[in-house]
Amino acid sequence: MHLPAELIVFLISLSPLAELRGAIPVAISVYHFSWLKAFLISFLGNIIIIVPIIWFLETSSNWLMKKSKFFNRFFTWIFDKTRKKIDHRYNKYRNWALLIFVAIPLPTTGAWTGSIAAYLLGLSKKESFVFISLGVLVAGCIVTILTLLGIHFF
């Protein structure tokens, strides 16, 4: 079975391990996409997962909390602990901190982890989507530039 290169790049950017940090270099260096095509497919693949992750986390944790005393205590503890760490003085910077966290193109700092962090911090779905998407946009620009520089110099 032969999958189109665009679909492969999209699926790589959708995956929690590689995300767009892995998809853009593959698209440009392996499939010889233009930088713009590589960026757009990877960006879309990476942001499309944000809403389902946040929805799944909310739905599953609410369901588990209703069904089990253990999970009710566990999720209550983790939410209280996470949200108390964000002092009210820093509350207004949560969105920007999330954007910067997602924008840093390192392993475990992408849209998947950002979505989990946004949910744990109690951010709204709309705010989460906007700021995580902006972080993915910045990370995509950084990865694209570094990939093009790497190809140019090597």
Protein backbone atom coordinates (compact mmCIF):
# COMPACT_ATOMS: atom_id res chain seq x y z
CA MET A 1 0.00 0.00 0.00
CA HIS A 2 1.46 3.30 -1.08
CA LEU A 3 0.36 6.39 0.84
CA PRO A 4 0.70 9.84 -0.70
CA ALA A 5 3.64 11.83 0.67
CA GLU A 6 1.27 14.58 1.83
CA LEU A 7 -0.66 12.09 3.96
CA ILE A 8 2.52 10.68 5.46
CA VAL A 9 3.72 14.17 6.42
CA PHE A 10 0.26 14.98 7.84
CA LEU A 11 0.26 11.78 9.93
CA ILE A 12 3.79 12.47 11.21
CA SER A 13 2.70 15.94 12.34
CA LEU A 14 -0.36 14.42 13.99
CA SER A 15 1.70 11.97 16.04
CA PRO A 16 2.55 12.83 19.66
CA LEU A 17 6.23 11.93 19.33
CA ALA A 18 7.23 13.81 16.19
CA GLU A 19 4.56 16.45 15.65
CA LEU A 20 5.57 19.19 13.23
CA ARG A 21 9.11 19.08 14.61
CA GLY A 22 9.59 15.81 12.75
CA ALA A 23 7.17 16.36 9.87
CA ILE A 24 8.74 19.50 8.40
CA PRO A 25 12.29 18.08 8.06
CA VAL A 26 10.89 14.87 6.53
CA ALA A 27 8.68 16.82 4.10
CA ILE A 28 11.53 19.06 2.94
CA SER A 29 14.47 16.67 2.94
CA VAL A 30 12.84 13.31 2.09
CA TYR A 31 9.84 14.29 -0.05
CA HIS A 32 11.34 17.53 -1.44
CA PHE A 33 8.28 19.62 -0.65
CA SER A 34 8.58 23.38 -0.90
CA TRP A 35 9.05 24.94 2.52
CA LEU A 36 5.56 26.44 2.32
CA LYS A 37 3.84 23.16 1.45
CA ALA A 38 5.80 21.36 4.20
CA PHE A 39 4.90 24.05 6.72
CA LEU A 40 1.18 24.20 5.87
CA ILE A 41 0.57 20.44 5.89
CA SER A 42 2.56 20.02 9.11
CA PHE A 43 0.89 22.98 10.82
CA LEU A 44 -2.61 21.73 9.99
CA GLY A 45 -1.77 18.20 11.10
CA ASN A 46 -0.37 19.48 14.37
CA ILE A 47 -3.24 21.81 15.34
CA ILE A 48 -6.08 19.53 14.28
CA ILE A 49 -5.45 17.32 17.33
CA ILE A 50 -5.74 20.08 19.97
CA VAL A 51 -9.54 20.14 20.38
CA PRO A 52 -9.98 16.33 20.45
CA ILE A 53 -7.27 16.00 23.12
CA ILE A 54 -8.80 18.64 25.37
CA TRP A 55 -12.32 17.28 24.81
CA PHE A 56 -11.18 13.70 25.51
CA LEU A 57 -9.34 14.71 28.69
CA GLU A 58 -12.34 16.60 30.03
CA THR A 59 -14.87 13.93 29.08
CA SER A 60 -12.84 10.99 30.36
CA SER A 61 -11.77 12.63 33.63
CA ASN A 62 -15.35 13.77 34.37
CA TRP A 63 -16.66 10.27 33.64
CA LEU A 64 -13.98 8.62 35.79
CA MET A 65 -14.61 11.06 38.64
CA LYS A 66 -18.31 10.15 38.63
CA LYS A 67 -17.66 6.40 38.48
CA SER A 68 -14.86 5.98 41.00
CA LYS A 69 -13.98 7.48 44.38
CA PHE A 70 -10.31 6.76 43.67
CA PHE A 71 -10.33 8.72 40.40
CA ASN A 72 -12.43 11.46 41.96
CA ARG A 73 -9.79 11.94 44.66
CA PHE A 74 -6.93 11.57 42.18
CA PHE A 75 -8.23 14.13 39.66
CA THR A 76 -9.34 16.53 42.39
CA TRP A 77 -5.84 16.31 43.89
CA ILE A 78 -4.05 16.80 40.57
CA PHE A 79 -6.28 19.72 39.50
CA ASP A 80 -5.96 21.45 42.88
CA LYS A 81 -2.20 20.94 42.96
CA THR A 82 -1.69 22.17 39.41
CA ARG A 83 -3.96 25.17 39.68
CA LYS A 84 -2.63 26.24 43.09
CA LYS A 85 0.90 26.35 41.67
CA ILE A 86 -0.23 29.17 39.43
CA ASP A 87 -0.37 32.03 41.88
CA HIS A 88 -3.06 34.63 41.19
CA ARG A 89 -0.28 37.15 40.40
CA TYR A 90 0.81 34.99 37.45
CA ASN A 91 -2.66 33.96 36.33
CA LYS A 92 -2.78 36.59 33.59
CA TYR A 93 0.40 35.17 32.01
CA ARG A 94 -0.85 31.56 31.72
CA ASN A 95 -1.80 31.87 28.06
CA TRP A 96 1.50 33.46 27.06
CA ALA A 97 3.46 30.89 29.05
CA LEU A 98 1.56 28.15 27.22
CA LEU A 99 2.34 29.76 23.85
CA ILE A 100 6.07 29.99 24.68
CA PHE A 101 6.13 26.43 26.01
CA VAL A 102 4.60 25.06 22.80
CA ALA A 103 6.74 27.33 20.59
CA ILE A 104 10.03 25.90 21.86
CA PRO A 105 10.83 23.18 19.31
CA LEU A 106 12.06 20.54 21.75
CA PRO A 107 10.71 17.06 22.49
CA THR A 108 7.66 17.06 24.81
CA THR A 109 6.88 20.76 24.31
CA GLY A 110 4.39 20.54 21.46
CA ALA A 111 0.64 20.68 20.95
CA TRP A 112 -0.05 17.36 22.69
CA THR A 113 1.72 18.33 25.93
CA GLY A 114 0.44 21.90 25.63
CA SER A 115 -3.13 20.61 25.39
CA ILE A 116 -2.67 18.51 28.51
CA ALA A 117 -1.12 21.46 30.35
CA ALA A 118 -3.96 23.77 29.26
CA TYR A 119 -6.53 21.31 30.54
CA LEU A 120 -4.75 20.86 33.86
CA LEU A 121 -4.46 24.63 34.27
CA GLY A 122 -8.17 25.05 33.63
CA LEU A 123 -7.86 27.22 30.54
CA SER A 124 -10.91 27.52 28.32
CA LYS A 125 -10.99 25.42 25.16
CA LYS A 126 -11.04 28.55 23.00
CA GLU A 127 -8.04 30.15 24.75
CA SER A 128 -6.19 26.85 24.67
CA PHE A 129 -6.75 26.39 20.96
CA VAL A 130 -5.69 29.94 20.09
CA PHE A 131 -2.51 30.04 22.19
CA ILE A 132 -1.42 26.48 21.41
CA SER A 133 -1.99 27.14 17.70
CA LEU A 134 0.12 30.30 17.91
CA GLY A 135 2.84 28.30 19.67
CA VAL A 136 2.71 25.66 16.93
CA LEU A 137 2.94 28.45 14.34
CA VAL A 138 6.11 29.83 15.97
CA ALA A 139 7.61 26.35 16.39
CA GLY A 140 6.83 25.62 12.74
CA CYS A 141 8.65 28.77 11.63
CA ILE A 142 11.67 27.88 13.75
CA VAL A 143 11.79 24.27 12.52
CA THR A 144 11.34 25.34 8.89
CA ILE A 145 14.17 27.88 9.11
CA LEU A 146 16.48 25.42 10.87
CA THR A 147 15.67 22.72 8.30
CA LEU A 148 16.38 25.06 5.40
CA LEU A 149 19.62 26.23 7.02
CA GLY A 150 20.65 22.63 7.62
CA ILE A 151 20.02 21.69 4.00
CA HIS A 152 21.83 24.81 2.80
CA PHE A 153 24.94 24.20 4.92
CA PHE A 154 25.11 20.43 4.62
